[in-house]
Amino acid sequence: MPKVRTTLTIDADVLRAVKVRGARMGKGDSEVIEDALREQLGFDLLDRLWEVSDLNESQALDLAVEAQHATRRRKR
């Protein structure tokens, strides 16, 4: 996936922790931040689910829409 450049403002203590973790793991700041965001956003869970799923993309989308509709029906 292509990378994009962005600017963000974060707490100095958070940036310091990013730099320490990066130094300990041999990673750059951007990689540490991206890894943390991916974990927080659930990307790692989605990747693990795709690895064990035998559904293709269309089947997965159909299942997700079906679950969404079932949830909406119960809420009414």
PDB file of N, CA and C in Angstrom:
ATOM      1  N   MET A   1       0.842  -1.173   0.000  1.00  0.00           N
ATOM      2  CA  MET A   1       0.000   0.000   0.000  1.00  0.00           C
ATOM      3  C   MET A   1       0.890   1.241   0.000  1.00  0.00           C
ATOM      4  N   PRO A   2       0.569   2.242  -0.824  1.00  0.00           N
ATOM      5  CA  PRO A   2       1.414   3.438  -0.878  1.00  0.00           C
ATOM      6  C   PRO A   2       1.355   4.223   0.430  1.00  0.00           C
ATOM      7  N   LYS A   3       2.440   4.845   0.738  1.00  0.00           N
ATOM      8  CA  LYS A   3       2.534   5.672   1.952  1.00  0.00           C
ATOM      9  C   LYS A   3       2.230   7.116   1.597  1.00  0.00           C
ATOM     10  N   VAL A   4       1.654   7.843   2.544  1.00  0.00           N
ATOM     11  CA  VAL A   4       1.409   9.271   2.376  1.00  0.00           C
ATOM     12  C   VAL A   4       2.055  10.012   3.543  1.00  0.00           C
ATOM     13  N   ARG A   5       2.494  11.191   3.264  1.00  0.00           N
ATOM     14  CA  ARG A   5       3.120  12.016   4.299  1.00  0.00           C
ATOM     15  C   ARG A   5       2.032  12.840   4.983  1.00  0.00           C
ATOM     16  N   THR A   6       2.136  12.959   6.304  1.00  0.00           N
ATOM     17  CA  THR A   6       1.177  13.753   7.057  1.00  0.00           C
ATOM     18  C   THR A   6       1.892  14.460   8.195  1.00  0.00           C
ATOM     19  N   THR A   7       1.237  15.447   8.745  1.00  0.00           N
ATOM     20  CA  THR A   7       1.761  16.168   9.894  1.00  0.00           C
ATOM     21  C   THR A   7       0.766  16.020  11.023  1.00  0.00           C
ATOM     22  N   LEU A   8       1.262  15.718  12.220  1.00  0.00           N
ATOM     23  CA  LEU A   8       0.369  15.625  13.363  1.00  0.00           C
ATOM     24  C   LEU A   8       1.026  16.241  14.578  1.00  0.00           C
ATOM     25  N   THR A   9       0.205  16.616  15.514  1.00  0.00           N
ATOM     26  CA  THR A   9       0.679  17.197  16.760  1.00  0.00           C
ATOM     27  C   THR A   9       0.379  16.209  17.877  1.00  0.00           C
ATOM     28  N   ILE A  10       1.424  15.790  18.591  1.00  0.00           N
ATOM     29  CA  ILE A  10       1.237  14.847  19.696  1.00  0.00           C
ATOM     30  C   ILE A  10       1.988  15.340  20.927  1.00  0.00           C
ATOM     31  N   ASP A  11       1.626  14.807  22.047  1.00  0.00           N
ATOM     32  CA  ASP A  11       2.243  15.140  23.323  1.00  0.00           C
ATOM     33  C   ASP A  11       3.734  14.784  23.299  1.00  0.00           C
ATOM     34  N   ALA A  12       4.556  15.620  23.894  1.00  0.00           N
ATOM     35  CA  ALA A  12       6.001  15.396  23.899  1.00  0.00           C
ATOM     36  C   ALA A  12       6.368  14.070  24.562  1.00  0.00           C
ATOM     37  N   ASP A  13       5.657  13.691  25.618  1.00  0.00           N
ATOM     38  CA  ASP A  13       5.937  12.416  26.284  1.00  0.00           C
ATOM     39  C   ASP A  13       5.614  11.232  25.381  1.00  0.00           C
ATOM     40  N   VAL A  14       4.562  11.366  24.582  1.00  0.00           N
ATOM     41  CA  VAL A  14       4.204  10.290  23.648  1.00  0.00           C
ATOM     42  C   VAL A  14       5.291  10.158  22.584  1.00  0.00           C
ATOM     43  N   LEU A  15       5.756  11.269  22.057  1.00  0.00           N
ATOM     44  CA  LEU A  15       6.816  11.224  21.052  1.00  0.00           C
ATOM     45  C   LEU A  15       8.087  10.621  21.638  1.00  0.00           C
ATOM     46  N   ARG A  16       8.400  10.968  22.856  1.00  0.00           N
ATOM     47  CA  ARG A  16       9.577  10.402  23.514  1.00  0.00           C
ATOM     48  C   ARG A  16       9.439   8.880  23.626  1.00  0.00           C
ATOM     49  N   ALA A  17       8.248   8.417  24.002  1.00  0.00           N
ATOM     50  CA  ALA A  17       8.007   6.976  24.104  1.00  0.00           C
ATOM     51  C   ALA A  17       8.123   6.301  22.741  1.00  0.00           C
ATOM     52  N   VAL A  18       7.659   6.975  21.691  1.00  0.00           N
ATOM     53  CA  VAL A  18       7.781   6.446  20.328  1.00  0.00           C
ATOM     54  C   VAL A  18       9.256   6.277  19.981  1.00  0.00           C
ATOM     55  N   LYS A  19      10.054   7.271  20.280  1.00  0.00           N
ATOM     56  CA  LYS A  19      11.476   7.217  19.964  1.00  0.00           C
ATOM     57  C   LYS A  19      12.186   6.119  20.752  1.00  0.00           C
ATOM     58  N   VAL A  20      11.829   5.960  22.016  1.00  0.00           N
ATOM     59  CA  VAL A  20      12.435   4.907  22.842  1.00  0.00           C
ATOM     60  C   VAL A  20      12.063   3.536  22.294  1.00  0.00           C
ATOM     61  N   ARG A  21      10.774   3.340  22.007  1.00  0.00           N
ATOM     62  CA  ARG A  21      10.344   2.043  21.470  1.00  0.00           C
ATOM     63  C   ARG A  21      11.027   1.767  20.129  1.00  0.00           C
ATOM     64  N   GLY A  22      11.103   2.778  19.286  1.00  0.00           N
ATOM     65  CA  GLY A  22      11.756   2.608  18.002  1.00  0.00           C
ATOM     66  C   GLY A  22      13.217   2.209  18.155  1.00  0.00           C
ATOM     67  N   ALA A  23      13.913   2.853  19.080  1.00  0.00           N
ATOM     68  CA  ALA A  23      15.323   2.531  19.310  1.00  0.00           C
ATOM     69  C   ALA A  23      15.471   1.097  19.814  1.00  0.00           C
ATOM     70  N   ARG A  24      14.583   0.682  20.702  1.00  0.00           N
ATOM     71  CA  ARG A  24      14.655  -0.677  21.254  1.00  0.00           C
ATOM     72  C   ARG A  24      14.336  -1.740  20.207  1.00  0.00           C
ATOM     73  N   MET A  25      13.461  -1.402  19.268  1.00  0.00           N
ATOM     74  CA  MET A  25      13.014  -2.380  18.281  1.00  0.00           C
ATOM     75  C   MET A  25      13.718  -2.235  16.934  1.00  0.00           C
ATOM     76  N   GLY A  26      14.566  -1.225  16.808  1.00  0.00           N
ATOM     77  CA  GLY A  26      15.246  -1.000  15.544  1.00  0.00           C
ATOM     78  C   GLY A  26      14.311  -0.494  14.460  1.00  0.00           C
ATOM     79  N   LYS A  27      13.318   0.294  14.849  1.00  0.00           N
ATOM     80  CA  LYS A  27      12.333   0.825  13.907  1.00  0.00           C
ATOM     81  C   LYS A  27      12.352   2.350  13.950  1.00  0.00           C
ATOM     82  N   GLY A  28      11.896   2.964  12.869  1.00  0.00           N
ATOM     83  CA  GLY A  28      11.774   4.416  12.825  1.00  0.00           C
ATOM     84  C   GLY A  28      10.483   4.876  13.491  1.00  0.00           C
ATOM     85  N   ASP A  29      10.398   6.170  13.762  1.00  0.00           N
ATOM     86  CA  ASP A  29       9.212   6.742  14.408  1.00  0.00           C
ATOM     87  C   ASP A  29       7.936   6.420  13.631  1.00  0.00           C
ATOM     88  N   SER A  30       7.989   6.598  12.320  1.00  0.00           N
ATOM     89  CA  SER A  30       6.791   6.374  11.500  1.00  0.00           C
ATOM     90  C   SER A  30       6.296   4.944  11.616  1.00  0.00           C
ATOM     91  N   GLU A  31       7.214   3.995  11.617  1.00  0.00           N
ATOM     92  CA  GLU A  31       6.824   2.585  11.702  1.00  0.00           C
ATOM     93  C   GLU A  31       6.206   2.262  13.064  1.00  0.00           C
ATOM     94  N   VAL A  32       6.776   2.821  14.125  1.00  0.00           N
ATOM     95  CA  VAL A  32       6.227   2.594  15.472  1.00  0.00           C
ATOM     96  C   VAL A  32       4.818   3.178  15.562  1.00  0.00           C
ATOM     97  N   ILE A  33       4.644   4.391  15.057  1.00  0.00           N
ATOM     98  CA  ILE A  33       3.332   5.041  15.108  1.00  0.00           C
ATOM     99  C   ILE A  33       2.330   4.274  14.258  1.00  0.00           C
ATOM    100  N   GLU A  34       2.723   3.864  13.057  1.00  0.00           N
ATOM    101  CA  GLU A  34       1.803   3.122  12.192  1.00  0.00           C
ATOM    102  C   GLU A  34       1.415   1.787  12.817  1.00  0.00           C
ATOM    103  N   ASP A  35       2.377   1.086  13.397  1.00  0.00           N
ATOM    104  CA  ASP A  35       2.075  -0.185  14.061  1.00  0.00           C
ATOM    105  C   ASP A  35       1.061   0.010  15.189  1.00  0.00           C
ATOM    106  N   ALA A  36       1.266   1.058  15.987  1.00  0.00           N
ATOM    107  CA  ALA A  36       0.351   1.331  17.104  1.00  0.00           C
ATOM    108  C   ALA A  36      -1.046   1.675  16.598  1.00  0.00           C
ATOM    109  N   LEU A  37      -1.123   2.482  15.562  1.00  0.00           N
ATOM    110  CA  LEU A  37      -2.429   2.842  15.001  1.00  0.00           C
ATOM    111  C   LEU A  37      -3.133   1.628  14.406  1.00  0.00           C
ATOM    112  N   ARG A  38      -2.392   0.798  13.690  1.00  0.00           N
ATOM    113  CA  ARG A  38      -2.989  -0.404  13.104  1.00  0.00           C
ATOM    114  C   ARG A  38      -3.553  -1.311  14.193  1.00  0.00           C
ATOM    115  N   GLU A  39      -2.801  -1.451  15.282  1.00  0.00           N
ATOM    116  CA  GLU A  39      -3.280  -2.285  16.390  1.00  0.00           C
ATOM    117  C   GLU A  39      -4.524  -1.673  17.026  1.00  0.00           C
ATOM    118  N   GLN A  40      -4.485  -0.384  17.301  1.00  0.00           N
ATOM    119  CA  GLN A  40      -5.614   0.302  17.934  1.00  0.00           C
ATOM    120  C   GLN A  40      -6.857   0.271  17.052  1.00  0.00           C
ATOM    121  N   LEU A  41      -6.676   0.358  15.751  1.00  0.00           N
ATOM    122  CA  LEU A  41      -7.796   0.375  14.808  1.00  0.00           C
ATOM    123  C   LEU A  41      -8.280  -1.021  14.429  1.00  0.00           C
ATOM    124  N   GLY A  42      -7.600  -2.040  14.925  1.00  0.00           N
ATOM    125  CA  GLY A  42      -8.047  -3.401  14.687  1.00  0.00           C
ATOM    126  C   GLY A  42      -7.567  -4.011  13.384  1.00  0.00           C
ATOM    127  N   PHE A  43      -6.595  -3.383  12.727  1.00  0.00           N
ATOM    128  CA  PHE A  43      -6.089  -3.932  11.469  1.00  0.00           C
ATOM    129  C   PHE A  43      -5.489  -5.312  11.673  1.00  0.00           C
ATOM    130  N   ASP A  44      -4.797  -5.518  12.804  1.00  0.00           N
ATOM    131  CA  ASP A  44      -4.175  -6.818  13.041  1.00  0.00           C
ATOM    132  C   ASP A  44      -5.229  -7.908  13.182  1.00  0.00           C
ATOM    133  N   LEU A  45      -6.340  -7.597  13.818  1.00  0.00           N
ATOM    134  CA  LEU A  45      -7.423  -8.561  13.947  1.00  0.00           C
ATOM    135  C   LEU A  45      -8.008  -8.895  12.583  1.00  0.00           C
ATOM    136  N   LEU A  46      -8.227  -7.886  11.765  1.00  0.00           N
ATOM    137  CA  LEU A  46      -8.761  -8.127  10.425  1.00  0.00           C
ATOM    138  C   LEU A  46      -7.812  -8.988   9.598  1.00  0.00           C
ATOM    139  N   ASP A  47      -6.520  -8.719   9.705  1.00  0.00           N
ATOM    140  CA  ASP A  47      -5.542  -9.522   8.965  1.00  0.00           C
ATOM    141  C   ASP A  47      -5.589 -10.980   9.418  1.00  0.00           C
ATOM    142  N   ARG A  48      -5.684 -11.209  10.730  1.00  0.00           N
ATOM    143  CA  ARG A  48      -5.749 -12.587  11.242  1.00  0.00           C
ATOM    144  C   ARG A  48      -7.025 -13.271  10.791  1.00  0.00           C
ATOM    145  N   LEU A  49      -8.129 -12.541  10.783  1.00  0.00           N
ATOM    146  CA  LEU A  49      -9.388 -13.134  10.335  1.00  0.00           C
ATOM    147  C   LEU A  49      -9.325 -13.520   8.866  1.00  0.00           C
ATOM    148  N   TRP A  50      -8.747 -12.656   8.026  1.00  0.00           N
ATOM    149  CA  TRP A  50      -8.637 -12.969   6.602  1.00  0.00           C
ATOM    150  C   TRP A  50      -7.758 -14.194   6.373  1.00  0.00           C
ATOM    151  N   GLU A  51      -6.735 -14.374   7.219  1.00  0.00           N
ATOM    152  CA  GLU A  51      -5.836 -15.516   7.062  1.00  0.00           C
ATOM    153  C   GLU A  51      -6.552 -16.849   7.279  1.00  0.00           C
ATOM    154  N   VAL A  52      -7.521 -16.889   8.196  1.00  0.00           N
ATOM    155  CA  VAL A  52      -8.187 -18.153   8.517  1.00  0.00           C
ATOM    156  C   VAL A  52      -9.539 -18.294   7.834  1.00  0.00           C
ATOM    157  N   SER A  53      -9.983 -17.290   7.137  1.00  0.00           N
ATOM    158  CA  SER A  53     -11.291 -17.328   6.492  1.00  0.00           C
ATOM    159  C   SER A  53     -11.203 -17.973   5.125  1.00  0.00           C
ATOM    160  N   ASP A  54     -12.213 -18.764   4.799  1.00  0.00           N
ATOM    161  CA  ASP A  54     -12.263 -19.337   3.461  1.00  0.00           C
ATOM    162  C   ASP A  54     -13.271 -18.593   2.580  1.00  0.00           C
ATOM    163  N   LEU A  55     -13.786 -17.451   3.081  1.00  0.00           N
ATOM    164  CA  LEU A  55     -14.716 -16.638   2.301  1.00  0.00           C
ATOM    165  C   LEU A  55     -13.945 -15.759   1.325  1.00  0.00           C
ATOM    166  N   ASN A  56     -14.516 -15.568   0.139  1.00  0.00           N
ATOM    167  CA  ASN A  56     -13.918 -14.571  -0.748  1.00  0.00           C
ATOM    168  C   ASN A  56     -14.484 -13.206  -0.368  1.00  0.00           C
ATOM    169  N   GLU A  57     -14.018 -12.169  -1.011  1.00  0.00           N
ATOM    170  CA  GLU A  57     -14.421 -10.809  -0.631  1.00  0.00           C
ATOM    171  C   GLU A  57     -15.924 -10.598  -0.790  1.00  0.00           C
ATOM    172  N   SER A  58     -16.506 -11.114  -1.847  1.00  0.00           N
ATOM    173  CA  SER A  58     -17.938 -10.957  -2.083  1.00  0.00           C
ATOM    174  C   SER A  58     -18.764 -11.672  -1.015  1.00  0.00           C
ATOM    175  N   GLN A  59     -18.352 -12.870  -0.650  1.00  0.00           N
ATOM    176  CA  GLN A  59     -19.065 -13.617   0.391  1.00  0.00           C
ATOM    177  C   GLN A  59     -18.963 -12.907   1.737  1.00  0.00           C
ATOM    178  N   ALA A  60     -17.794 -12.377   2.036  1.00  0.00           N
ATOM    179  CA  ALA A  60     -17.596 -11.664   3.296  1.00  0.00           C
ATOM    180  C   ALA A  60     -18.469 -10.412   3.352  1.00  0.00           C
ATOM    181  N   LEU A  61     -18.557  -9.699   2.234  1.00  0.00           N
ATOM    182  CA  LEU A  61     -19.393  -8.504   2.181  1.00  0.00           C
ATOM    183  C   LEU A  61     -20.862  -8.865   2.361  1.00  0.00           C
ATOM    184  N   ASP A  62     -21.312  -9.929   1.708  1.00  0.00           N
ATOM    185  CA  ASP A  62     -22.701 -10.381   1.865  1.00  0.00           C
ATOM    186  C   ASP A  62     -23.000 -10.727   3.315  1.00  0.00           C
ATOM    187  N   LEU A  63     -22.083 -11.424   3.967  1.00  0.00           N
ATOM    188  CA  LEU A  63     -22.261 -11.803   5.368  1.00  0.00           C
ATOM    189  C   LEU A  63     -22.319 -10.571   6.269  1.00  0.00           C
ATOM    190  N   ALA A  64     -21.475  -9.584   6.002  1.00  0.00           N
ATOM    191  CA  ALA A  64     -21.459  -8.358   6.801  1.00  0.00           C
ATOM    192  C   ALA A  64     -22.761  -7.581   6.642  1.00  0.00           C
ATOM    193  N   VAL A  65     -23.266  -7.479   5.423  1.00  0.00           N
ATOM    194  CA  VAL A  65     -24.524  -6.761   5.172  1.00  0.00           C
ATOM    195  C   VAL A  65     -25.679  -7.497   5.846  1.00  0.00           C
ATOM    196  N   GLU A  66     -25.684  -8.810   5.759  1.00  0.00           N
ATOM    197  CA  GLU A  66     -26.726  -9.607   6.409  1.00  0.00           C
ATOM    198  C   GLU A  66     -26.717  -9.388   7.928  1.00  0.00           C
ATOM    199  N   ALA A  67     -25.540  -9.374   8.533  1.00  0.00           N
ATOM    200  CA  ALA A  67     -25.427  -9.145   9.974  1.00  0.00           C
ATOM    201  C   ALA A  67     -25.892  -7.737  10.333  1.00  0.00           C
ATOM    202  N   GLN A  68     -25.557  -6.769   9.513  1.00  0.00           N
ATOM    203  CA  GLN A  68     -25.970  -5.393   9.768  1.00  0.00           C
ATOM    204  C   GLN A  68     -27.493  -5.275   9.721  1.00  0.00           C
ATOM    205  N   HIS A  69     -28.111  -5.885   8.738  1.00  0.00           N
ATOM    206  CA  HIS A  69     -29.569  -5.844   8.623  1.00  0.00           C
ATOM    207  C   HIS A  69     -30.234  -6.559   9.796  1.00  0.00           C
ATOM    208  N   ALA A  70     -29.684  -7.675  10.217  1.00  0.00           N
ATOM    209  CA  ALA A  70     -30.246  -8.397  11.358  1.00  0.00           C
ATOM    210  C   ALA A  70     -30.173  -7.550  12.621  1.00  0.00           C
ATOM    211  N   THR A  71     -29.079  -6.835  12.802  1.00  0.00           N
ATOM    212  CA  THR A  71     -28.934  -5.974  13.973  1.00  0.00           C
ATOM    213  C   THR A  71     -29.931  -4.840  13.931  1.00  0.00           C
ATOM    214  N   ARG A  72     -30.141  -4.246  12.785  1.00  0.00           N
ATOM    215  CA  ARG A  72     -31.092  -3.145  12.654  1.00  0.00           C
ATOM    216  C   ARG A  72     -32.510  -3.633  12.938  1.00  0.00           C
ATOM    217  N   ARG A  73     -32.868  -4.824  12.487  1.00  0.00           N
ATOM    218  CA  ARG A  73     -34.209  -5.343  12.732  1.00  0.00           C
ATOM    219  C   ARG A  73     -34.457  -5.544  14.218  1.00  0.00           C
ATOM    220  N   ARG A  74     -33.454  -5.998  14.948  1.00  0.00           N
ATOM    221  CA  ARG A  74     -33.600  -6.225  16.393  1.00  0.00           C
ATOM    222  C   ARG A  74     -33.750  -4.931  17.165  1.00  0.00           C
ATOM    223  N   LYS A  75     -33.140  -3.850  16.726  1.00  0.00           N
ATOM    224  CA  LYS A  75     -33.183  -2.581  17.435  1.00  0.00           C
ATOM    225  C   LYS A  75     -34.532  -1.909  17.341  1.00  0.00           C
ATOM    226  N   ARG A  76     -35.331  -2.231  16.346  1.00  0.00           N
ATOM    227  CA  ARG A  76     -36.621  -1.561  16.135  1.00  0.00           C
ATOM    228  C   ARG A  76     -37.665  -2.072  17.039  1.00  0.00           C
TER     229      ARG A  76
END
